[in-house]
Amino acid sequence: MSTQYGNQPVGQHHATARSGASENVLSIIAIVMGAIGLLFLPIVFGLGGLILAVVAKFARHERLSTIALIVGAVGLIGGMILGAVVAS
């Protein structure tokens, strides 16, 4: 059975809609890890955030990956500088 508007079948067909948050999962995790890396264990969290951001940028082409790269780098480098200042 078709409708008067063309050859589209009658009935409810739900398209799989991807929301903004579901397509930026790795980028969001990378941003959070970079922010945590600024204060706690920058080599672990900052580097982890940076790696996740690179995967999000080049493998999954996520929209927030550039921001995640910046936050991960600031978390890694800034965290090490902040740790050195506090330790001395």
PDB file of N, CA and C in Angstrom:
ATOM      1  N   MET A   1       0.839  -1.166   0.000  1.00  0.00           N
ATOM      2  CA  MET A   1       0.000   0.000   0.000  1.00  0.00           C
ATOM      3  C   MET A   1       0.888   1.234   0.000  1.00  0.00           C
ATOM      4  N   SER A   2       0.552   2.189  -0.787  1.00  0.00           N
ATOM      5  CA  SER A   2       1.343   3.416  -0.837  1.00  0.00           C
ATOM      6  C   SER A   2       0.446   4.615  -0.564  1.00  0.00           C
ATOM      7  N   THR A   3       1.066   5.720  -0.283  1.00  0.00           N
ATOM      8  CA  THR A   3       0.323   6.939   0.035  1.00  0.00           C
ATOM      9  C   THR A   3       0.096   7.756  -1.219  1.00  0.00           C
ATOM     10  N   GLN A   4      -0.664   8.814  -1.075  1.00  0.00           N
ATOM     11  CA  GLN A   4      -0.919   9.689  -2.217  1.00  0.00           C
ATOM     12  C   GLN A   4       0.279  10.552  -2.562  1.00  0.00           C
ATOM     13  N   TYR A   5       1.304  10.555  -1.702  1.00  0.00           N
ATOM     14  CA  TYR A   5       2.460  11.423  -1.904  1.00  0.00           C
ATOM     15  C   TYR A   5       3.621  10.724  -2.602  1.00  0.00           C
ATOM     16  N   GLY A   6       3.453   9.537  -2.971  1.00  0.00           N
ATOM     17  CA  GLY A   6       4.526   8.853  -3.660  1.00  0.00           C
ATOM     18  C   GLY A   6       4.512   7.369  -3.349  1.00  0.00           C
ATOM     19  N   ASN A   7       5.611   6.744  -3.582  1.00  0.00           N
ATOM     20  CA  ASN A   7       5.709   5.307  -3.374  1.00  0.00           C
ATOM     21  C   ASN A   7       6.262   4.942  -2.006  1.00  0.00           C
ATOM     22  N   GLN A   8       6.005   5.776  -1.033  1.00  0.00           N
ATOM     23  CA  GLN A   8       6.472   5.468   0.313  1.00  0.00           C
ATOM     24  C   GLN A   8       5.451   4.579   1.001  1.00  0.00           C
ATOM     25  N   PRO A   9       5.893   3.532   1.661  1.00  0.00           N
ATOM     26  CA  PRO A   9       4.950   2.639   2.336  1.00  0.00           C
ATOM     27  C   PRO A   9       4.292   3.336   3.527  1.00  0.00           C
ATOM     28  N   VAL A  10       3.076   2.904   3.820  1.00  0.00           N
ATOM     29  CA  VAL A  10       2.322   3.478   4.926  1.00  0.00           C
ATOM     30  C   VAL A  10       2.763   2.802   6.214  1.00  0.00           C
ATOM     31  N   GLY A  11       2.873   3.569   7.258  1.00  0.00           N
ATOM     32  CA  GLY A  11       3.246   3.023   8.548  1.00  0.00           C
ATOM     33  C   GLY A  11       4.286   3.901   9.201  1.00  0.00           C
ATOM     34  N   GLN A  12       4.611   3.532  10.385  1.00  0.00           N
ATOM     35  CA  GLN A  12       5.598   4.314  11.125  1.00  0.00           C
ATOM     36  C   GLN A  12       6.967   3.673  10.976  1.00  0.00           C
ATOM     37  N   HIS A  13       7.878   4.414  10.417  1.00  0.00           N
ATOM     38  CA  HIS A  13       9.252   3.967  10.271  1.00  0.00           C
ATOM     39  C   HIS A  13      10.138   4.938  11.014  1.00  0.00           C
ATOM     40  N   HIS A  14      10.807   4.435  11.994  1.00  0.00           N
ATOM     41  CA  HIS A  14      11.651   5.296  12.809  1.00  0.00           C
ATOM     42  C   HIS A  14      13.089   5.222  12.313  1.00  0.00           C
ATOM     43  N   ALA A  15      13.597   6.346  11.938  1.00  0.00           N
ATOM     44  CA  ALA A  15      14.993   6.411  11.520  1.00  0.00           C
ATOM     45  C   ALA A  15      15.868   6.444  12.762  1.00  0.00           C
ATOM     46  N   THR A  16      17.028   5.867  12.653  1.00  0.00           N
ATOM     47  CA  THR A  16      17.943   5.890  13.785  1.00  0.00           C
ATOM     48  C   THR A  16      18.624   7.246  13.823  1.00  0.00           C
ATOM     49  N   ALA A  17      18.194   8.061  14.723  1.00  0.00           N
ATOM     50  CA  ALA A  17      18.752   9.405  14.860  1.00  0.00           C
ATOM     51  C   ALA A  17      19.894   9.367  15.872  1.00  0.00           C
ATOM     52  N   ARG A  18      21.008   9.945  15.490  1.00  0.00           N
ATOM     53  CA  ARG A  18      22.159  10.018  16.387  1.00  0.00           C
ATOM     54  C   ARG A  18      22.187  11.410  16.994  1.00  0.00           C
ATOM     55  N   SER A  19      22.145  11.441  18.292  1.00  0.00           N
ATOM     56  CA  SER A  19      22.182  12.747  18.950  1.00  0.00           C
ATOM     57  C   SER A  19      23.616  13.242  19.009  1.00  0.00           C
ATOM     58  N   GLY A  20      23.789  14.510  19.364  1.00  0.00           N
ATOM     59  CA  GLY A  20      25.110  15.109  19.410  1.00  0.00           C
ATOM     60  C   GLY A  20      26.014  14.463  20.433  1.00  0.00           C
ATOM     61  N   ALA A  21      25.458  14.041  21.561  1.00  0.00           N
ATOM     62  CA  ALA A  21      26.285  13.447  22.606  1.00  0.00           C
ATOM     63  C   ALA A  21      26.751  12.046  22.224  1.00  0.00           C
ATOM     64  N   SER A  22      25.925  11.293  21.507  1.00  0.00           N
ATOM     65  CA  SER A  22      26.306   9.923  21.199  1.00  0.00           C
ATOM     66  C   SER A  22      27.379   9.839  20.121  1.00  0.00           C
ATOM     67  N   GLU A  23      27.535  10.870  19.318  1.00  0.00           N
ATOM     68  CA  GLU A  23      28.588  10.801  18.310  1.00  0.00           C
ATOM     69  C   GLU A  23      29.883  11.426  18.787  1.00  0.00           C
ATOM     70  N   ASN A  24      29.917  11.961  19.987  1.00  0.00           N
ATOM     71  CA  ASN A  24      31.121  12.587  20.529  1.00  0.00           C
ATOM     72  C   ASN A  24      31.586  11.931  21.825  1.00  0.00           C
ATOM     73  N   VAL A  25      31.338  10.649  21.962  1.00  0.00           N
ATOM     74  CA  VAL A  25      31.626   9.971  23.222  1.00  0.00           C
ATOM     75  C   VAL A  25      33.112  10.014  23.560  1.00  0.00           C
ATOM     76  N   LEU A  26      33.962   9.650  22.631  1.00  0.00           N
ATOM     77  CA  LEU A  26      35.401   9.647  22.910  1.00  0.00           C
ATOM     78  C   LEU A  26      35.918  11.048  23.186  1.00  0.00           C
ATOM     79  N   SER A  27      35.398  12.028  22.483  1.00  0.00           N
ATOM     80  CA  SER A  27      35.836  13.407  22.697  1.00  0.00           C
ATOM     81  C   SER A  27      35.449  13.902  24.074  1.00  0.00           C
ATOM     82  N   ILE A  28      34.245  13.578  24.521  1.00  0.00           N
ATOM     83  CA  ILE A  28      33.802  14.007  25.844  1.00  0.00           C
ATOM     84  C   ILE A  28      34.627  13.336  26.931  1.00  0.00           C
ATOM     85  N   ILE A  29      34.903  12.060  26.782  1.00  0.00           N
ATOM     86  CA  ILE A  29      35.745  11.361  27.756  1.00  0.00           C
ATOM     87  C   ILE A  29      37.148  11.957  27.753  1.00  0.00           C
ATOM     88  N   ALA A  30      37.672  12.294  26.586  1.00  0.00           N
ATOM     89  CA  ALA A  30      39.006  12.889  26.487  1.00  0.00           C
ATOM     90  C   ALA A  30      39.050  14.261  27.148  1.00  0.00           C
ATOM     91  N   ILE A  31      37.995  15.057  27.000  1.00  0.00           N
ATOM     92  CA  ILE A  31      37.942  16.370  27.647  1.00  0.00           C
ATOM     93  C   ILE A  31      37.945  16.214  29.162  1.00  0.00           C
ATOM     94  N   VAL A  32      37.153  15.285  29.669  1.00  0.00           N
ATOM     95  CA  VAL A  32      37.103  15.057  31.119  1.00  0.00           C
ATOM     96  C   VAL A  32      38.450  14.558  31.631  1.00  0.00           C
ATOM     97  N   MET A  33      39.070  13.634  30.912  1.00  0.00           N
ATOM     98  CA  MET A  33      40.374  13.122  31.347  1.00  0.00           C
ATOM     99  C   MET A  33      41.443  14.207  31.301  1.00  0.00           C
ATOM    100  N   GLY A  34      41.408  15.078  30.308  1.00  0.00           N
ATOM    101  CA  GLY A  34      42.363  16.173  30.237  1.00  0.00           C
ATOM    102  C   GLY A  34      42.190  17.149  31.385  1.00  0.00           C
ATOM    103  N   ALA A  35      40.937  17.429  31.745  1.00  0.00           N
ATOM    104  CA  ALA A  35      40.677  18.334  32.865  1.00  0.00           C
ATOM    105  C   ALA A  35      41.120  17.720  34.188  1.00  0.00           C
ATOM    106  N   ILE A  36      40.895  16.441  34.364  1.00  0.00           N
ATOM    107  CA  ILE A  36      41.359  15.762  35.579  1.00  0.00           C
ATOM    108  C   ILE A  36      42.881  15.721  35.591  1.00  0.00           C
ATOM    109  N   GLY A  37      43.494  15.533  34.436  1.00  0.00           N
ATOM    110  CA  GLY A  37      44.946  15.471  34.340  1.00  0.00           C
ATOM    111  C   GLY A  37      45.634  16.769  34.697  1.00  0.00           C
ATOM    112  N   LEU A  38      44.920  17.877  34.639  1.00  0.00           N
ATOM    113  CA  LEU A  38      45.503  19.156  35.041  1.00  0.00           C
ATOM    114  C   LEU A  38      45.812  19.163  36.536  1.00  0.00           C
ATOM    115  N   LEU A  39      45.025  18.451  37.329  1.00  0.00           N
ATOM    116  CA  LEU A  39      45.201  18.467  38.778  1.00  0.00           C
ATOM    117  C   LEU A  39      45.741  17.156  39.345  1.00  0.00           C
ATOM    118  N   PHE A  40      45.385  16.028  38.778  1.00  0.00           N
ATOM    119  CA  PHE A  40      45.757  14.728  39.335  1.00  0.00           C
ATOM    120  C   PHE A  40      46.413  13.859  38.271  1.00  0.00           C
ATOM    121  N   LEU A  41      47.582  13.343  38.555  1.00  0.00           N
ATOM    122  CA  LEU A  41      48.290  12.398  37.690  1.00  0.00           C
ATOM    123  C   LEU A  41      48.256  12.789  36.210  1.00  0.00           C
ATOM    124  N   PRO A  42      48.944  13.863  35.850  1.00  0.00           N
ATOM    125  CA  PRO A  42      48.861  14.344  34.466  1.00  0.00           C
ATOM    126  C   PRO A  42      49.402  13.366  33.431  1.00  0.00           C
ATOM    127  N   ILE A  43      50.378  12.543  33.825  1.00  0.00           N
ATOM    128  CA  ILE A  43      50.919  11.594  32.849  1.00  0.00           C
ATOM    129  C   ILE A  43      49.885  10.520  32.526  1.00  0.00           C
ATOM    130  N   VAL A  44      49.086  10.134  33.499  1.00  0.00           N
ATOM    131  CA  VAL A  44      48.072   9.102  33.261  1.00  0.00           C
ATOM    132  C   VAL A  44      46.843   9.703  32.575  1.00  0.00           C
ATOM    133  N   PHE A  45      46.231  10.714  33.220  1.00  0.00           N
ATOM    134  CA  PHE A  45      44.977  11.246  32.698  1.00  0.00           C
ATOM    135  C   PHE A  45      45.188  12.154  31.480  1.00  0.00           C
ATOM    136  N   GLY A  46      46.202  12.992  31.512  1.00  0.00           N
ATOM    137  CA  GLY A  46      46.460  13.873  30.373  1.00  0.00           C
ATOM    138  C   GLY A  46      46.839  13.101  29.129  1.00  0.00           C
ATOM    139  N   LEU A  47      47.715  12.124  29.295  1.00  0.00           N
ATOM    140  CA  LEU A  47      48.118  11.305  28.153  1.00  0.00           C
ATOM    141  C   LEU A  47      46.969  10.436  27.656  1.00  0.00           C
ATOM    142  N   GLY A  48      46.190   9.901  28.584  1.00  0.00           N
ATOM    143  CA  GLY A  48      45.015   9.114  28.190  1.00  0.00           C
ATOM    144  C   GLY A  48      44.009   9.953  27.422  1.00  0.00           C
ATOM    145  N   GLY A  49      43.783  11.177  27.890  1.00  0.00           N
ATOM    146  CA  GLY A  49      42.878  12.079  27.184  1.00  0.00           C
ATOM    147  C   GLY A  49      43.405  12.457  25.816  1.00  0.00           C
ATOM    148  N   LEU A  50      44.704  12.647  25.732  1.00  0.00           N
ATOM    149  CA  LEU A  50      45.315  12.994  24.449  1.00  0.00           C
ATOM    150  C   LEU A  50      45.200  11.844  23.452  1.00  0.00           C
ATOM    151  N   ILE A  51      45.415  10.634  23.906  1.00  0.00           N
ATOM    152  CA  ILE A  51      45.297   9.464  23.028  1.00  0.00           C
ATOM    153  C   ILE A  51      43.857   9.276  22.562  1.00  0.00           C
ATOM    154  N   LEU A  52      42.907   9.421  23.489  1.00  0.00           N
ATOM    155  CA  LEU A  52      41.504   9.303  23.098  1.00  0.00           C
ATOM    156  C   LEU A  52      41.105  10.398  22.107  1.00  0.00           C
ATOM    157  N   ALA A  53      41.642  11.592  22.295  1.00  0.00           N
ATOM    158  CA  ALA A  53      41.329  12.692  21.379  1.00  0.00           C
ATOM    159  C   ALA A  53      41.886  12.435  19.982  1.00  0.00           C
ATOM    160  N   VAL A  54      43.072  11.850  19.901  1.00  0.00           N
ATOM    161  CA  VAL A  54      43.654  11.523  18.585  1.00  0.00           C
ATOM    162  C   VAL A  54      42.818  10.455  17.890  1.00  0.00           C
ATOM    163  N   VAL A  55      42.369   9.448  18.639  1.00  0.00           N
ATOM    164  CA  VAL A  55      41.516   8.414  18.052  1.00  0.00           C
ATOM    165  C   VAL A  55      40.194   9.021  17.592  1.00  0.00           C
ATOM    166  N   ALA A  56      39.630   9.911  18.409  1.00  0.00           N
ATOM    167  CA  ALA A  56      38.371  10.560  18.041  1.00  0.00           C
ATOM    168  C   ALA A  56      38.533  11.436  16.804  1.00  0.00           C
ATOM    169  N   LYS A  57      39.687  12.065  16.667  1.00  0.00           N
ATOM    170  CA  LYS A  57      39.912  12.975  15.538  1.00  0.00           C
ATOM    171  C   LYS A  57      40.122  12.222  14.227  1.00  0.00           C
ATOM    172  N   PHE A  58      41.012  11.250  14.249  1.00  0.00           N
ATOM    173  CA  PHE A  58      41.421  10.630  12.991  1.00  0.00           C
ATOM    174  C   PHE A  58      40.682   9.343  12.646  1.00  0.00           C
ATOM    175  N   ALA A  59      40.204   8.611  13.622  1.00  0.00           N
ATOM    176  CA  ALA A  59      39.509   7.364  13.317  1.00  0.00           C
ATOM    177  C   ALA A  59      37.995   7.551  13.240  1.00  0.00           C
ATOM    178  N   ARG A  60      37.437   8.377  14.155  1.00  0.00           N
ATOM    179  CA  ARG A  60      35.986   8.515  14.200  1.00  0.00           C
ATOM    180  C   ARG A  60      35.477   9.850  13.684  1.00  0.00           C
ATOM    181  N   HIS A  61      36.367  10.808  13.438  1.00  0.00           N
ATOM    182  CA  HIS A  61      36.022  12.124  12.889  1.00  0.00           C
ATOM    183  C   HIS A  61      34.922  12.817  13.703  1.00  0.00           C
ATOM    184  N   GLU A  62      35.126  12.869  15.017  1.00  0.00           N
ATOM    185  CA  GLU A  62      34.139  13.489  15.895  1.00  0.00           C
ATOM    186  C   GLU A  62      34.285  15.005  15.878  1.00  0.00           C
ATOM    187  N   ARG A  63      33.182  15.675  16.128  1.00  0.00           N
ATOM    188  CA  ARG A  63      33.144  17.131  16.022  1.00  0.00           C
ATOM    189  C   ARG A  63      33.921  17.820  17.149  1.00  0.00           C
ATOM    190  N   LEU A  64      33.896  17.283  18.359  1.00  0.00           N
ATOM    191  CA  LEU A  64      34.559  17.904  19.501  1.00  0.00           C
ATOM    192  C   LEU A  64      36.007  17.449  19.682  1.00  0.00           C
ATOM    193  N   SER A  65      36.547  16.752  18.728  1.00  0.00           N
ATOM    194  CA  SER A  65      37.883  16.177  18.900  1.00  0.00           C
ATOM    195  C   SER A  65      38.983  17.234  18.952  1.00  0.00           C
ATOM    196  N   THR A  66      38.832  18.347  18.247  1.00  0.00           N
ATOM    197  CA  THR A  66      39.842  19.404  18.294  1.00  0.00           C
ATOM    198  C   THR A  66      39.912  20.023  19.690  1.00  0.00           C
ATOM    199  N   ILE A  67      38.758  20.256  20.286  1.00  0.00           N
ATOM    200  CA  ILE A  67      38.725  20.778  21.651  1.00  0.00           C
ATOM    201  C   ILE A  67      39.329  19.761  22.605  1.00  0.00           C
ATOM    202  N   ALA A  68      39.035  18.484  22.386  1.00  0.00           N
ATOM    203  CA  ALA A  68      39.583  17.436  23.235  1.00  0.00           C
ATOM    204  C   ALA A  68      41.105  17.359  23.114  1.00  0.00           C
ATOM    205  N   LEU A  69      41.631  17.560  21.909  1.00  0.00           N
ATOM    206  CA  LEU A  69      43.087  17.584  21.730  1.00  0.00           C
ATOM    207  C   LEU A  69      43.722  18.719  22.523  1.00  0.00           C
ATOM    208  N   ILE A  70      43.107  19.885  22.488  1.00  0.00           N
ATOM    209  CA  ILE A  70      43.646  21.043  23.204  1.00  0.00           C
ATOM    210  C   ILE A  70      43.585  20.821  24.708  1.00  0.00           C
ATOM    211  N   VAL A  71      42.433  20.352  25.199  1.00  0.00           N
ATOM    212  CA  VAL A  71      42.281  20.127  26.644  1.00  0.00           C
ATOM    213  C   VAL A  71      43.220  19.014  27.112  1.00  0.00           C
ATOM    214  N   GLY A  72      43.397  17.976  26.313  1.00  0.00           N
ATOM    215  CA  GLY A  72      44.313  16.897  26.681  1.00  0.00           C
ATOM    216  C   GLY A  72      45.757  17.364  26.739  1.00  0.00           C
ATOM    217  N   ALA A  73      46.166  18.190  25.778  1.00  0.00           N
ATOM    218  CA  ALA A  73      47.540  18.710  25.778  1.00  0.00           C
ATOM    219  C   ALA A  73      47.766  19.661  26.946  1.00  0.00           C
ATOM    220  N   VAL A  74      46.776  20.519  27.217  1.00  0.00           N
ATOM    221  CA  VAL A  74      46.902  21.438  28.364  1.00  0.00           C
ATOM    222  C   VAL A  74      46.912  20.650  29.666  1.00  0.00           C
ATOM    223  N   GLY A  75      46.094  19.607  29.757  1.00  0.00           N
ATOM    224  CA  GLY A  75      46.083  18.769  30.950  1.00  0.00           C
ATOM    225  C   GLY A  75      47.402  18.063  31.176  1.00  0.00           C
ATOM    226  N   LEU A  76      48.016  17.586  30.109  1.00  0.00           N
ATOM    227  CA  LEU A  76      49.293  16.884  30.223  1.00  0.00           C
ATOM    228  C   LEU A  76      50.426  17.841  30.559  1.00  0.00           C
ATOM    229  N   ILE A  77      50.611  18.855  29.753  1.00  0.00           N
ATOM    230  CA  ILE A  77      51.735  19.783  29.943  1.00  0.00           C
ATOM    231  C   ILE A  77      51.510  20.687  31.153  1.00  0.00           C
ATOM    232  N   GLY A  78      50.291  21.248  31.242  1.00  0.00           N
ATOM    233  CA  GLY A  78      49.984  22.118  32.365  1.00  0.00           C
ATOM    234  C   GLY A  78      50.025  21.388  33.702  1.00  0.00           C
ATOM    235  N   GLY A  79      49.577  20.161  33.716  1.00  0.00           N
ATOM    236  CA  GLY A  79      49.619  19.360  34.942  1.00  0.00           C
ATOM    237  C   GLY A  79      51.049  19.068  35.387  1.00  0.00           C
ATOM    238  N   MET A  80      51.921  18.796  34.443  1.00  0.00           N
ATOM    239  CA  MET A  80      53.320  18.542  34.807  1.00  0.00           C
ATOM    240  C   MET A  80      53.985  19.826  35.292  1.00  0.00           C
ATOM    241  N   ILE A  81      53.701  20.945  34.664  1.00  0.00           N
ATOM    242  CA  ILE A  81      54.271  22.213  35.112  1.00  0.00           C
ATOM    243  C   ILE A  81      53.717  22.567  36.489  1.00  0.00           C
ATOM    244  N   LEU A  82      52.413  22.414  36.678  1.00  0.00           N
ATOM    245  CA  LEU A  82      51.811  22.701  37.976  1.00  0.00           C
ATOM    246  C   LEU A  82      52.349  21.790  39.073  1.00  0.00           C
ATOM    247  N   GLY A  83      52.560  20.538  38.743  1.00  0.00           N
ATOM    248  CA  GLY A  83      53.145  19.603  39.704  1.00  0.00           C
ATOM    249  C   GLY A  83      54.572  19.971  40.064  1.00  0.00           C
ATOM    250  N   ALA A  84      55.341  20.421  39.094  1.00  0.00           N
ATOM    251  CA  ALA A  84      56.720  20.828  39.371  1.00  0.00           C
ATOM    252  C   ALA A  84      56.762  22.089  40.234  1.00  0.00           C
ATOM    253  N   VAL A  85      55.836  23.019  39.992  1.00  0.00           N
ATOM    254  CA  VAL A  85      55.787  24.247  40.790  1.00  0.00           C
ATOM    255  C   VAL A  85      55.371  23.941  42.216  1.00  0.00           C
ATOM    256  N   VAL A  86      54.386  23.091  42.390  1.00  0.00           N
ATOM    257  CA  VAL A  86      53.921  22.745  43.734  1.00  0.00           C
ATOM    258  C   VAL A  86      54.967  21.939  44.483  1.00  0.00           C
ATOM    259  N   ALA A  87      55.694  21.063  43.798  1.00  0.00           N
ATOM    260  CA  ALA A  87      56.700  20.234  44.454  1.00  0.00           C
ATOM    261  C   ALA A  87      57.940  21.017  44.868  1.00  0.00           C
ATOM    262  N   SER A  88      58.213  22.135  44.228  1.00  0.00           N
ATOM    263  CA  SER A  88      59.434  22.883  44.561  1.00  0.00           C
ATOM    264  C   SER A  88      59.187  23.984  45.565  1.00  0.00           C
TER     265      SER A  88
END
